[in-house]
PDB file of N, CA and C in Angstrom:
ATOM      1  N   MET A   1       0.942  -1.188  -0.002  1.00  0.00           N
ATOM      2  CA  MET A   1      -0.026   0.200   0.016  1.00  0.00           C
ATOM      3  C   MET A   1       0.977   1.118   0.021  1.00  0.00           C
ATOM      4  N   PRO A   2       0.639   2.125  -0.954  1.00  0.00           N
ATOM      5  CA  PRO A   2       1.276   3.251  -1.046  1.00  0.00           C
ATOM      6  C   PRO A   2       1.317   4.335   0.257  1.00  0.00           C
ATOM      7  N   ARG A   3       2.178   4.764   0.606  1.00  0.00           N
ATOM      8  CA  ARG A   3       2.115   5.848   1.719  1.00  0.00           C
ATOM      9  C   ARG A   3       1.140   7.173   1.284  1.00  0.00           C
ATOM     10  N   ALA A   4       0.799   7.853   2.188  1.00  0.00           N
ATOM     11  CA  ALA A   4      -0.115   9.185   1.795  1.00  0.00           C
ATOM     12  C   ALA A   4       0.623  10.069   0.847  1.00  0.00           C
ATOM     13  N   SER A   5       1.816  10.230   1.243  1.00  0.00           N
ATOM     14  CA  SER A   5       2.494  11.174   0.166  1.00  0.00           C
ATOM     15  C   SER A   5       2.584  10.662  -1.282  1.00  0.00           C
ATOM     16  N   GLY A   6       2.754   9.245  -1.326  1.00  0.00           N
ATOM     17  CA  GLY A   6       2.764   8.646  -2.742  1.00  0.00           C
ATOM     18  C   GLY A   6       1.254   8.834  -3.279  1.00  0.00           C
ATOM     19  N   LEU A   7       0.445   9.002  -2.605  1.00  0.00           N
ATOM     20  CA  LEU A   7      -1.098   8.964  -3.113  1.00  0.00           C
ATOM     21  C   LEU A   7      -1.192  10.446  -3.367  1.00  0.00           C
ATOM     22  N   GLY A   8      -0.775  11.268  -2.843  1.00  0.00           N
ATOM     23  CA  GLY A   8      -0.847  12.889  -3.236  1.00  0.00           C
ATOM     24  C   GLY A   8      -0.026  12.997  -4.371  1.00  0.00           C
ATOM     25  N   GLU A   9       1.090  12.388  -4.538  1.00  0.00           N
ATOM     26  CA  GLU A   9       1.862  12.553  -5.760  1.00  0.00           C
ATOM     27  C   GLU A   9       1.225  12.076  -6.893  1.00  0.00           C
ATOM     28  N   LEU A  10       0.652  10.818  -6.911  1.00  0.00           N
ATOM     29  CA  LEU A  10      -0.061  10.187  -7.845  1.00  0.00           C
ATOM     30  C   LEU A  10      -1.304  10.916  -8.262  1.00  0.00           C
ATOM     31  N   LEU A  11      -2.041  11.524  -7.214  1.00  0.00           N
ATOM     32  CA  LEU A  11      -3.194  12.448  -7.559  1.00  0.00           C
ATOM     33  C   LEU A  11      -2.869  13.631  -8.328  1.00  0.00           C
ATOM     34  N   SER A  12      -1.694  14.212  -8.011  1.00  0.00           N
ATOM     35  CA  SER A  12      -1.246  15.470  -8.888  1.00  0.00           C
ATOM     36  C   SER A  12      -0.786  15.106 -10.142  1.00  0.00           C
ATOM     37  N   ARG A  13      -0.270  13.897 -10.342  1.00  0.00           N
ATOM     38  CA  ARG A  13       0.078  13.615 -11.764  1.00  0.00           C
ATOM     39  C   ARG A  13      -1.141  13.348 -12.576  1.00  0.00           C
ATOM     40  N   VAL A  14      -2.145  12.593 -11.912  1.00  0.00           N
ATOM     41  CA  VAL A  14      -3.388  12.437 -12.707  1.00  0.00           C
ATOM     42  C   VAL A  14      -4.069  13.795 -13.049  1.00  0.00           C
ATOM     43  N   ILE A  15      -4.138  14.738 -12.145  1.00  0.00           N
ATOM     44  CA  ILE A  15      -4.658  16.025 -12.655  1.00  0.00           C
ATOM     45  C   ILE A  15      -3.698  16.760 -13.583  1.00  0.00           C
ATOM     46  N   VAL A  16      -2.405  16.762 -13.592  1.00  0.00           N
ATOM     47  CA  VAL A  16      -1.676  17.251 -14.641  1.00  0.00           C
ATOM     48  C   VAL A  16      -1.988  16.666 -15.991  1.00  0.00           C
ATOM     49  N   LEU A  17      -2.055  15.242 -15.965  1.00  0.00           N
ATOM     50  CA  LEU A  17      -2.345  14.499 -17.229  1.00  0.00           C
ATOM     51  C   LEU A  17      -3.695  14.958 -17.759  1.00  0.00           C
ATOM     52  N   LEU A  18      -4.826  15.282 -16.893  1.00  0.00           N
ATOM     53  CA  LEU A  18      -6.178  15.664 -17.256  1.00  0.00           C
ATOM     54  C   LEU A  18      -6.007  17.232 -17.815  1.00  0.00           C
ATOM     55  N   TYR A  19      -5.240  18.014 -17.100  1.00  0.00           N
ATOM     56  CA  TYR A  19      -5.103  19.487 -17.433  1.00  0.00           C
ATOM     57  C   TYR A  19      -3.994  19.755 -17.971  1.00  0.00           C
ATOM     58  N   ASN A  20      -3.782  19.603 -19.375  1.00  0.00           N
ATOM     59  CA  ASN A  20      -2.336  19.791 -19.870  1.00  0.00           C
ATOM     60  C   ASN A  20      -2.215  21.255 -20.163  1.00  0.00           C
ATOM     61  N   PRO A  21      -1.009  21.827 -19.746  1.00  0.00           N
ATOM     62  CA  PRO A  21      -0.850  23.294 -20.070  1.00  0.00           C
ATOM     63  C   PRO A  21      -0.613  23.562 -21.597  1.00  0.00           C
ATOM     64  N   TYR A  22      -0.291  22.615 -22.351  1.00  0.00           N
ATOM     65  CA  TYR A  22       0.028  22.686 -23.624  1.00  0.00           C
ATOM     66  C   TYR A  22      -1.145  23.278 -24.408  1.00  0.00           C
ATOM     67  N   PHE A  23      -2.292  22.659 -24.178  1.00  0.00           N
ATOM     68  CA  PHE A  23      -3.511  23.530 -24.678  1.00  0.00           C
ATOM     69  C   PHE A  23      -3.648  24.857 -24.800  1.00  0.00           C
ATOM     70  N   ARG A  24      -3.284  25.263 -23.473  1.00  0.00           N
ATOM     71  CA  ARG A  24      -3.379  26.855 -23.236  1.00  0.00           C
ATOM     72  C   ARG A  24      -2.393  27.628 -24.047  1.00  0.00           C
ATOM     73  N   GLY A  25      -1.102  26.946 -24.440  1.00  0.00           N
ATOM     74  CA  GLY A  25      -0.093  27.494 -25.374  1.00  0.00           C
ATOM     75  C   GLY A  25      -0.646  27.543 -26.721  1.00  0.00           C
ATOM     76  N   VAL A  26      -1.300  26.545 -27.134  1.00  0.00           N
ATOM     77  CA  VAL A  26      -1.930  26.677 -28.475  1.00  0.00           C
ATOM     78  C   VAL A  26      -2.943  27.661 -28.687  1.00  0.00           C
ATOM     79  N   PHE A  27      -3.782  27.866 -27.658  1.00  0.00           N
ATOM     80  CA  PHE A  27      -4.802  29.007 -27.706  1.00  0.00           C
ATOM     81  C   PHE A  27      -4.026  30.362 -27.690  1.00  0.00           C
ATOM     82  N   TRP A  28      -3.040  30.413 -27.069  1.00  0.00           N
ATOM     83  CA  TRP A  28      -2.257  31.648 -26.813  1.00  0.00           C
ATOM     84  C   TRP A  28      -1.616  31.865 -28.078  1.00  0.00           C
ATOM     85  N   LEU A  29      -1.094  30.953 -28.628  1.00  0.00           N
ATOM     86  CA  LEU A  29      -0.392  31.082 -30.053  1.00  0.00           C
ATOM     87  C   LEU A  29      -1.321  31.520 -31.218  1.00  0.00           C
ATOM     88  N   ALA A  30      -2.577  30.973 -31.091  1.00  0.00           N
ATOM     89  CA  ALA A  30      -3.535  31.409 -32.189  1.00  0.00           C
ATOM     90  C   ALA A  30      -4.035  32.755 -31.835  1.00  0.00           C
ATOM     91  N   ASN A  31      -4.030  33.144 -30.542  1.00  0.00           N
ATOM     92  CA  ASN A  31      -4.576  34.504 -30.399  1.00  0.00           C
ATOM     93  C   ASN A  31      -3.420  35.507 -30.757  1.00  0.00           C
ATOM     94  N   LYS A  32      -2.189  35.278 -30.550  1.00  0.00           N
ATOM     95  CA  LYS A  32      -1.044  35.992 -31.009  1.00  0.00           C
ATOM     96  C   LYS A  32      -1.036  36.100 -32.472  1.00  0.00           C
ATOM     97  N   LEU A  33      -1.254  35.077 -33.090  1.00  0.00           N
ATOM     98  CA  LEU A  33      -1.222  35.102 -34.721  1.00  0.00           C
ATOM     99  C   LEU A  33      -2.378  35.732 -35.303  1.00  0.00           C
ATOM    100  N   GLY A  34      -3.430  36.144 -34.264  1.00  0.00           N
ATOM    101  CA  GLY A  34      -4.547  36.708 -34.924  1.00  0.00           C
ATOM    102  C   GLY A  34      -5.753  35.778 -35.467  1.00  0.00           C
ATOM    103  N   VAL A  35      -5.352  34.627 -35.098  1.00  0.00           N
ATOM    104  CA  VAL A  35      -6.540  33.677 -35.700  1.00  0.00           C
ATOM    105  C   VAL A  35      -7.713  33.715 -34.830  1.00  0.00           C
ATOM    106  N   ARG A  36      -8.446  34.632 -34.779  1.00  0.00           N
ATOM    107  CA  ARG A  36      -9.570  34.747 -33.837  1.00  0.00           C
ATOM    108  C   ARG A  36     -10.799  35.515 -34.666  1.00  0.00           C
ATOM    109  N   SER A  37     -12.035  35.258 -34.421  1.00  0.00           N
ATOM    110  CA  SER A  37     -13.157  35.646 -35.223  1.00  0.00           C
ATOM    111  C   SER A  37     -14.286  35.827 -34.000  1.00  0.00           C
ATOM    112  N   GLY A  38     -14.887  37.022 -33.758  1.00  0.00           N
ATOM    113  CA  GLY A  38     -15.901  36.963 -32.908  1.00  0.00           C
ATOM    114  C   GLY A  38     -15.615  36.434 -31.320  1.00  0.00           C
ATOM    115  N   GLY A  39     -14.308  36.624 -31.019  1.00  0.00           N
ATOM    116  CA  GLY A  39     -13.994  36.096 -29.717  1.00  0.00           C
ATOM    117  C   GLY A  39     -13.853  34.535 -29.651  1.00  0.00           C
ATOM    118  N   GLN A  40     -13.877  33.789 -30.974  1.00  0.00           N
ATOM    119  CA  GLN A  40     -13.787  32.302 -30.752  1.00  0.00           C
ATOM    120  C   GLN A  40     -12.434  31.999 -31.523  1.00  0.00           C
ATOM    121  N   TYR A  41     -11.727  31.063 -30.842  1.00  0.00           N
ATOM    122  CA  TYR A  41     -10.432  30.642 -31.552  1.00  0.00           C
ATOM    123  C   TYR A  41     -10.625  29.898 -32.669  1.00  0.00           C
ATOM    124  N   PHE A  42      -9.723  29.701 -33.609  1.00  0.00           N
ATOM    125  CA  PHE A  42      -9.747  29.069 -34.733  1.00  0.00           C
ATOM    126  C   PHE A  42     -10.792  29.176 -35.644  1.00  0.00           C
ATOM    127  N   ALA A  43     -11.309  28.342 -36.492  1.00  0.00           N
ATOM    128  CA  ALA A  43     -12.320  28.681 -37.360  1.00  0.00           C
ATOM    129  C   ALA A  43     -13.796  28.365 -36.911  1.00  0.00           C
ATOM    130  N   LEU A  44     -14.062  28.694 -35.623  1.00  0.00           N
ATOM    131  CA  LEU A  44     -15.436  28.569 -35.185  1.00  0.00           C
ATOM    132  C   LEU A  44     -16.214  29.723 -35.419  1.00  0.00           C
ATOM    133  N   GLY A  45     -15.668  30.783 -36.055  1.00  0.00           N
ATOM    134  CA  GLY A  45     -16.425  32.123 -36.214  1.00  0.00           C
ATOM    135  C   GLY A  45     -17.215  32.083 -37.491  1.00  0.00           C
ATOM    136  N   SER A  46     -16.450  31.994 -38.579  1.00  0.00           N
ATOM    137  CA  SER A  46     -16.938  32.186 -39.951  1.00  0.00           C
ATOM    138  C   SER A  46     -16.230  31.257 -40.832  1.00  0.00           C
ATOM    139  N   PRO A  47     -16.678  31.123 -42.030  1.00  0.00           N
ATOM    140  CA  PRO A  47     -15.718  30.744 -43.067  1.00  0.00           C
ATOM    141  C   PRO A  47     -14.422  31.496 -43.353  1.00  0.00           C
ATOM    142  N   ASP A  48     -14.559  32.745 -43.178  1.00  0.00           N
ATOM    143  CA  ASP A  48     -13.256  33.694 -43.404  1.00  0.00           C
ATOM    144  C   ASP A  48     -12.473  33.397 -42.366  1.00  0.00           C
ATOM    145  N   ALA A  49     -12.792  33.258 -41.178  1.00  0.00           N
ATOM    146  CA  ALA A  49     -11.915  32.823 -40.072  1.00  0.00           C
ATOM    147  C   ALA A  49     -11.180  31.438 -40.178  1.00  0.00           C
ATOM    148  N   TRP A  50     -12.076  30.507 -40.880  1.00  0.00           N
ATOM    149  CA  TRP A  50     -11.332  29.231 -41.391  1.00  0.00           C
ATOM    150  C   TRP A  50     -10.305  29.425 -42.198  1.00  0.00           C
ATOM    151  N   ALA A  51     -10.596  30.378 -43.234  1.00  0.00           N
ATOM    152  CA  ALA A  51      -9.636  30.497 -44.393  1.00  0.00           C
ATOM    153  C   ALA A  51      -8.339  31.188 -43.953  1.00  0.00           C
ATOM    154  N   GLN A  52      -8.665  32.202 -42.761  1.00  0.00           N
ATOM    155  CA  GLN A  52      -7.387  32.828 -42.299  1.00  0.00           C
ATOM    156  C   GLN A  52      -6.539  32.098 -41.435  1.00  0.00           C
ATOM    157  N   MET A  53      -7.217  31.008 -40.771  1.00  0.00           N
ATOM    158  CA  MET A  53      -6.550  30.118 -39.970  1.00  0.00           C
ATOM    159  C   MET A  53      -5.720  29.137 -40.920  1.00  0.00           C
ATOM    160  N   ARG A  54      -6.262  28.584 -41.865  1.00  0.00           N
ATOM    161  CA  ARG A  54      -5.590  27.840 -42.856  1.00  0.00           C
ATOM    162  C   ARG A  54      -4.274  28.461 -43.456  1.00  0.00           C
ATOM    163  N   ALA A  55      -4.504  30.025 -43.872  1.00  0.00           N
ATOM    164  CA  ALA A  55      -3.393  30.664 -44.552  1.00  0.00           C
ATOM    165  C   ALA A  55      -2.434  30.776 -43.469  1.00  0.00           C
ATOM    166  N   THR A  56      -2.776  31.158 -42.088  1.00  0.00           N
ATOM    167  CA  THR A  56      -1.499  31.408 -41.100  1.00  0.00           C
ATOM    168  C   THR A  56      -0.905  30.147 -40.812  1.00  0.00           C
ATOM    169  N   LEU A  57      -1.593  28.985 -40.721  1.00  0.00           N
ATOM    170  CA  LEU A  57      -0.854  27.686 -40.366  1.00  0.00           C
ATOM    171  C   LEU A  57      -0.118  27.254 -41.431  1.00  0.00           C
ATOM    172  N   ALA A  58      -0.216  27.654 -42.787  1.00  0.00           N
ATOM    173  CA  ALA A  58       0.381  26.884 -44.060  1.00  0.00           C
ATOM    174  C   ALA A  58       1.911  27.740 -44.001  1.00  0.00           C
ATOM    175  N   ALA A  59       2.137  28.539 -43.218  1.00  0.00           N
ATOM    176  CA  ALA A  59       3.661  29.183 -43.204  1.00  0.00           C
ATOM    177  C   ALA A  59       4.528  28.266 -42.453  1.00  0.00           C
ATOM    178  N   PRO A  60       5.689  27.984 -43.230  1.00  0.00           N
ATOM    179  CA  PRO A  60       6.690  27.092 -42.586  1.00  0.00           C
ATOM    180  C   PRO A  60       6.927  27.467 -41.020  1.00  0.00           C
ATOM    181  N   LEU A  61       6.994  28.709 -40.684  1.00  0.00           N
ATOM    182  CA  LEU A  61       7.221  28.825 -39.204  1.00  0.00           C
ATOM    183  C   LEU A  61       6.275  28.421 -38.322  1.00  0.00           C
ATOM    184  N   ALA A  62       4.959  28.578 -38.846  1.00  0.00           N
ATOM    185  CA  ALA A  62       3.849  28.185 -37.989  1.00  0.00           C
ATOM    186  C   ALA A  62       3.766  26.620 -37.779  1.00  0.00           C
ATOM    187  N   LYS A  63       4.140  25.916 -39.053  1.00  0.00           N
ATOM    188  CA  LYS A  63       4.249  24.556 -38.944  1.00  0.00           C
ATOM    189  C   LYS A  63       5.267  24.015 -37.906  1.00  0.00           C
ATOM    190  N   LEU A  64       6.454  24.745 -37.967  1.00  0.00           N
ATOM    191  CA  LEU A  64       7.554  24.430 -37.100  1.00  0.00           C
ATOM    192  C   LEU A  64       7.119  24.482 -35.652  1.00  0.00           C
ATOM    193  N   VAL A  65       6.483  25.656 -35.169  1.00  0.00           N
ATOM    194  CA  VAL A  65       5.992  25.833 -34.078  1.00  0.00           C
ATOM    195  C   VAL A  65       4.745  24.722 -33.578  1.00  0.00           C
ATOM    196  N   LEU A  66       4.102  24.366 -34.462  1.00  0.00           N
ATOM    197  CA  LEU A  66       3.207  23.188 -34.150  1.00  0.00           C
ATOM    198  C   LEU A  66       4.042  21.857 -33.941  1.00  0.00           C
ATOM    199  N   ILE A  67       4.958  21.639 -34.775  1.00  0.00           N
ATOM    200  CA  ILE A  67       5.785  20.357 -34.503  1.00  0.00           C
ATOM    201  C   ILE A  67       6.427  20.404 -33.198  1.00  0.00           C
ATOM    202  N   VAL A  68       7.011  21.620 -32.740  1.00  0.00           N
ATOM    203  CA  VAL A  68       7.737  21.738 -31.460  1.00  0.00           C
ATOM    204  C   VAL A  68       6.711  21.630 -30.433  1.00  0.00           C
ATOM    205  N   LEU A  69       5.579  22.335 -30.512  1.00  0.00           N
ATOM    206  CA  LEU A  69       4.353  21.951 -29.472  1.00  0.00           C
ATOM    207  C   LEU A  69       3.782  20.511 -29.466  1.00  0.00           C
ATOM    208  N   ALA A  70       3.871  19.902 -30.579  1.00  0.00           N
ATOM    209  CA  ALA A  70       3.351  18.537 -30.458  1.00  0.00           C
ATOM    210  C   ALA A  70       4.296  17.600 -29.966  1.00  0.00           C
ATOM    211  N   TRP A  71       5.801  17.879 -30.227  1.00  0.00           N
ATOM    212  CA  TRP A  71       6.762  17.006 -29.524  1.00  0.00           C
ATOM    213  C   TRP A  71       6.861  17.233 -28.061  1.00  0.00           C
ATOM    214  N   ALA A  72       6.419  18.561 -27.432  1.00  0.00           N
ATOM    215  CA  ALA A  72       6.465  18.974 -26.047  1.00  0.00           C
ATOM    216  C   ALA A  72       5.109  18.317 -25.526  1.00  0.00           C
ATOM    217  N   TYR A  73       4.070  18.318 -26.141  1.00  0.00           N
ATOM    218  CA  TYR A  73       2.866  17.508 -25.599  1.00  0.00           C
ATOM    219  C   TYR A  73       3.087  15.995 -25.598  1.00  0.00           C
ATOM    220  N   PHE A  74       3.624  15.598 -26.530  1.00  0.00           N
ATOM    221  CA  PHE A  74       3.715  13.943 -26.545  1.00  0.00           C
ATOM    222  C   PHE A  74       4.742  13.416 -25.520  1.00  0.00           C
ATOM    223  N   HIS A  75       5.789  14.366 -25.519  1.00  0.00           N
ATOM    224  CA  HIS A  75       6.781  13.868 -24.287  1.00  0.00           C
ATOM    225  C   HIS A  75       6.242  14.154 -23.056  1.00  0.00           C
ATOM    226  N   HIS A  76       5.579  15.199 -22.731  1.00  0.00           N
ATOM    227  CA  HIS A  76       5.015  15.354 -21.587  1.00  0.00           C
ATOM    228  C   HIS A  76       4.022  14.327 -20.970  1.00  0.00           C
ATOM    229  N   PHE A  77       2.998  13.982 -22.264  1.00  0.00           N
ATOM    230  CA  PHE A  77       2.114  13.011 -21.807  1.00  0.00           C
ATOM    231  C   PHE A  77       2.761  11.655 -21.483  1.00  0.00           C
ATOM    232  N   ILE A  78       3.681  11.141 -22.184  1.00  0.00           N
ATOM    233  CA  ILE A  78       4.252   9.785 -22.257  1.00  0.00           C
ATOM    234  C   ILE A  78       5.118   9.731 -21.002  1.00  0.00           C
ATOM    235  N   ALA A  79       5.814  10.878 -20.721  1.00  0.00           N
ATOM    236  CA  ALA A  79       6.521  10.874 -19.309  1.00  0.00           C
ATOM    237  C   ALA A  79       5.635  10.982 -18.230  1.00  0.00           C
ATOM    238  N   GLY A  80       4.429  11.598 -18.311  1.00  0.00           N
ATOM    239  CA  GLY A  80       3.463  11.501 -17.175  1.00  0.00           C
ATOM    240  C   GLY A  80       3.128   9.998 -16.881  1.00  0.00           C
ATOM    241  N   ILE A  81       2.774   9.333 -17.940  1.00  0.00           N
ATOM    242  CA  ILE A  81       2.280   7.929 -17.714  1.00  0.00           C
ATOM    243  C   ILE A  81       3.612   7.095 -17.181  1.00  0.00           C
ATOM    244  N   ARG A  82       4.790   7.480 -17.642  1.00  0.00           N
ATOM    245  CA  ARG A  82       5.798   6.715 -17.068  1.00  0.00           C
ATOM    246  C   ARG A  82       5.976   6.891 -15.527  1.00  0.00           C
ATOM    247  N   HIS A  83       5.869   8.241 -15.086  1.00  0.00           N
ATOM    248  CA  HIS A  83       5.934   8.487 -13.683  1.00  0.00           C
ATOM    249  C   HIS A  83       4.778   7.951 -12.977  1.00  0.00           C
ATOM    250  N   LEU A  84       3.660   7.780 -13.575  1.00  0.00           N
ATOM    251  CA  LEU A  84       2.439   7.282 -12.819  1.00  0.00           C
ATOM    252  C   LEU A  84       2.749   5.919 -12.520  1.00  0.00           C
ATOM    253  N   MET A  85       3.486   5.042 -13.344  1.00  0.00           N
ATOM    254  CA  MET A  85       3.769   3.827 -13.351  1.00  0.00           C
ATOM    255  C   MET A  85       4.818   3.746 -12.243  1.00  0.00           C
ATOM    256  N   MET A  86       5.710   4.690 -12.044  1.00  0.00           N
ATOM    257  CA  MET A  86       6.763   4.593 -10.950  1.00  0.00           C
ATOM    258  C   MET A  86       6.256   4.896  -9.776  1.00  0.00           C
ATOM    259  N   ASP A  87       5.066   5.780  -9.576  1.00  0.00           N
ATOM    260  CA  ASP A  87       4.461   5.980  -8.403  1.00  0.00           C
ATOM    261  C   ASP A  87       3.863   4.721  -8.092  1.00  0.00           C
ATOM    262  N   LEU A  88       3.386   3.753  -8.842  1.00  0.00           N
ATOM    263  CA  LEU A  88       2.802   2.501  -8.324  1.00  0.00           C
ATOM    264  C   LEU A  88       3.966   1.404  -8.138  1.00  0.00           C
ATOM    265  N   HIS A  89       5.262   2.085  -8.256  1.00  0.00           N
ATOM    266  CA  HIS A  89       6.422   1.253  -7.791  1.00  0.00           C
ATOM    267  C   HIS A  89       6.538   0.128  -8.947  1.00  0.00           C
ATOM    268  N   TRP A  90       6.475   0.578 -10.226  1.00  0.00           N
ATOM    269  CA  TRP A  90       6.702  -0.432 -11.263  1.00  0.00           C
ATOM    270  C   TRP A  90       7.793   0.243 -12.023  1.00  0.00           C
ATOM    271  N   GLY A  91       8.934  -0.528 -12.608  1.00  0.00           N
ATOM    272  CA  GLY A  91      10.046   0.019 -12.959  1.00  0.00           C
ATOM    273  C   GLY A  91      10.817   0.934 -12.057  1.00  0.00           C
ATOM    274  N   MET A  92      10.958   0.631 -11.026  1.00  0.00           N
ATOM    275  CA  MET A  92      11.879   1.530 -10.075  1.00  0.00           C
ATOM    276  C   MET A  92      13.393   1.101 -10.131  1.00  0.00           C
ATOM    277  N   ASP A  93      13.603  -0.010 -10.635  1.00  0.00           N
ATOM    278  CA  ASP A  93      15.257  -0.350 -10.646  1.00  0.00           C
ATOM    279  C   ASP A  93      15.788   0.466 -11.746  1.00  0.00           C
ATOM    280  N   LEU A  94      17.254   0.488 -11.692  1.00  0.00           N
ATOM    281  CA  LEU A  94      17.905   1.465 -12.578  1.00  0.00           C
ATOM    282  C   LEU A  94      17.721   1.056 -13.959  1.00  0.00           C
ATOM    283  N   LYS A  95      17.921  -0.272 -14.174  1.00  0.00           N
ATOM    284  CA  LYS A  95      17.716  -0.828 -15.734  1.00  0.00           C
ATOM    285  C   LYS A  95      16.354  -0.445 -16.273  1.00  0.00           C
ATOM    286  N   SER A  96      15.350  -0.685 -15.453  1.00  0.00           N
ATOM    287  CA  SER A  96      13.826  -0.481 -16.008  1.00  0.00           C
ATOM    288  C   SER A  96      13.693   0.934 -16.008  1.00  0.00           C
ATOM    289  N   ALA A  97      14.077   1.887 -15.137  1.00  0.00           N
ATOM    290  CA  ALA A  97      13.903   3.233 -15.218  1.00  0.00           C
ATOM    291  C   ALA A  97      14.615   3.750 -16.654  1.00  0.00           C
ATOM    292  N   ARG A  98      15.808   3.337 -16.859  1.00  0.00           N
ATOM    293  CA  ARG A  98      16.541   3.820 -18.053  1.00  0.00           C
ATOM    294  C   ARG A  98      15.839   3.214 -19.337  1.00  0.00           C
ATOM    295  N   GLN A  99      15.253   2.010 -19.417  1.00  0.00           N
ATOM    296  CA  GLN A  99      14.612   1.646 -20.628  1.00  0.00           C
ATOM    297  C   GLN A  99      13.305   2.366 -20.800  1.00  0.00           C
ATOM    298  N   SER A 100      12.664   2.674 -19.482  1.00  0.00           N
ATOM    299  CA  SER A 100      11.312   3.457 -19.746  1.00  0.00           C
ATOM    300  C   SER A 100      11.718   4.838 -20.296  1.00  0.00           C
ATOM    301  N   SER A 101      12.739   5.492 -19.824  1.00  0.00           N
ATOM    302  CA  SER A 101      13.337   6.748 -20.289  1.00  0.00           C
ATOM    303  C   SER A 101      13.659   6.790 -21.876  1.00  0.00           C
ATOM    304  N   ALA A 102      14.205   5.657 -22.137  1.00  0.00           N
ATOM    305  CA  ALA A 102      14.335   5.652 -23.695  1.00  0.00           C
ATOM    306  C   ALA A 102      13.242   5.342 -24.535  1.00  0.00           C
ATOM    307  N   VAL A 103      12.313   4.683 -23.952  1.00  0.00           N
ATOM    308  CA  VAL A 103      10.924   4.421 -24.634  1.00  0.00           C
ATOM    309  C   VAL A 103      10.185   5.606 -24.692  1.00  0.00           C
ATOM    310  N   THR A 104      10.185   6.461 -23.664  1.00  0.00           N
ATOM    311  CA  THR A 104       9.504   7.795 -23.591  1.00  0.00           C
ATOM    312  C   THR A 104      10.110   8.607 -24.798  1.00  0.00           C
ATOM    313  N   ILE A 105      11.426   8.618 -24.948  1.00  0.00           N
ATOM    314  CA  ILE A 105      11.911   9.709 -25.929  1.00  0.00           C
ATOM    315  C   ILE A 105      11.560   9.108 -27.291  1.00  0.00           C
ATOM    316  N   VAL A 106      11.840   7.707 -27.575  1.00  0.00           N
ATOM    317  CA  VAL A 106      11.480   7.112 -28.616  1.00  0.00           C
ATOM    318  C   VAL A 106      10.027   7.267 -29.040  1.00  0.00           C
ATOM    319  N   LEU A 107       9.156   6.953 -28.256  1.00  0.00           N
ATOM    320  CA  LEU A 107       7.805   7.239 -28.610  1.00  0.00           C
ATOM    321  C   LEU A 107       7.312   8.847 -28.830  1.00  0.00           C
ATOM    322  N   ALA A 108       7.810   9.714 -28.118  1.00  0.00           N
ATOM    323  CA  ALA A 108       7.691  11.086 -28.386  1.00  0.00           C
ATOM    324  C   ALA A 108       8.131  11.415 -29.833  1.00  0.00           C
ATOM    325  N   VAL A 109       9.202  11.025 -30.143  1.00  0.00           N
ATOM    326  CA  VAL A 109       9.701  11.480 -31.359  1.00  0.00           C
ATOM    327  C   VAL A 109       8.970  10.766 -32.602  1.00  0.00           C
ATOM    328  N   LEU A 110       8.669   9.494 -32.349  1.00  0.00           N
ATOM    329  CA  LEU A 110       8.014   8.902 -33.525  1.00  0.00           C
ATOM    330  C   LEU A 110       6.433   9.408 -33.651  1.00  0.00           C
ATOM    331  N   LEU A 111       5.828   9.837 -32.587  1.00  0.00           N
ATOM    332  CA  LEU A 111       4.472  10.543 -32.691  1.00  0.00           C
ATOM    333  C   LEU A 111       4.666  11.975 -33.202  1.00  0.00           C
ATOM    334  N   THR A 112       5.594  12.534 -32.970  1.00  0.00           N
ATOM    335  CA  THR A 112       6.095  13.979 -33.430  1.00  0.00           C
ATOM    336  C   THR A 112       6.357  13.866 -35.102  1.00  0.00           C
ATOM    337  N   LEU A 113       6.942  12.819 -35.356  1.00  0.00           N
ATOM    338  CA  LEU A 113       7.334  12.499 -36.748  1.00  0.00           C
ATOM    339  C   LEU A 113       5.979  12.298 -37.438  1.00  0.00           C
ATOM    340  N   GLY A 114       4.990  11.707 -37.018  1.00  0.00           N
ATOM    341  CA  GLY A 114       3.853  11.401 -37.379  1.00  0.00           C
ATOM    342  C   GLY A 114       3.150  12.632 -37.555  1.00  0.00           C
ATOM    343  N   VAL A 115       3.085  13.510 -36.860  1.00  0.00           N
ATOM    344  CA  VAL A 115       2.316  14.988 -36.695  1.00  0.00           C
ATOM    345  C   VAL A 115       3.167  15.709 -37.996  1.00  0.00           C
ATOM    346  N   ALA A 116       4.495  15.672 -38.131  1.00  0.00           N
ATOM    347  CA  ALA A 116       5.199  16.457 -38.994  1.00  0.00           C
ATOM    348  C   ALA A 116       4.746  15.860 -40.318  1.00  0.00           C
ATOM    349  N   VAL A 117       4.896  14.624 -40.652  1.00  0.00           N
ATOM    350  CA  VAL A 117       4.302  14.085 -41.972  1.00  0.00           C
ATOM    351  C   VAL A 117       2.993  14.607 -42.276  1.00  0.00           C
ATOM    352  N   LYS A 118       2.223  14.661 -41.383  1.00  0.00           N
ATOM    353  CA  LYS A 118       0.607  15.102 -41.616  1.00  0.00           C
ATOM    354  C   LYS A 118       0.710  16.453 -42.093  1.00  0.00           C
ATOM    355  N   LEU A 119       1.482  17.392 -41.197  1.00  0.00           N
ATOM    356  CA  LEU A 119       1.442  18.721 -41.583  1.00  0.00           C
ATOM    357  C   LEU A 119       2.129  19.141 -42.885  1.00  0.00           C
ATOM    358  N   TRP A 120       3.066  18.548 -43.188  1.00  0.00           N
ATOM    359  CA  TRP A 120       3.842  18.861 -44.477  1.00  0.00           C
ATOM    360  C   TRP A 120       3.242  18.027 -45.544  1.00  0.00           C
TER     361      TRP A 120
END
């Protein structure tokens, strides 16, 4: 049975997993790029807003920003799952911890490459 501090840490990781700060970053970026219509983000306002969003996100710099954000999101998400498993005392020995660290990095890169292929 995990100690109370372990349960608190487990609960905090679940909350972070559910409320991911990268979504706020995407909305902030959209606002800074001017992709807004009637107070609504992205293309929710009108067909013109949809066209403006597509034109803005077609720029190579915007695609690069989206790829970096995707990598950050995937890495954070997978690392969160890894840490949840460690909170349950799975993979706590050095060899397992190193393997799960490598798996985290590889999965994040592969998922990001999938996003990059889809964007380009």
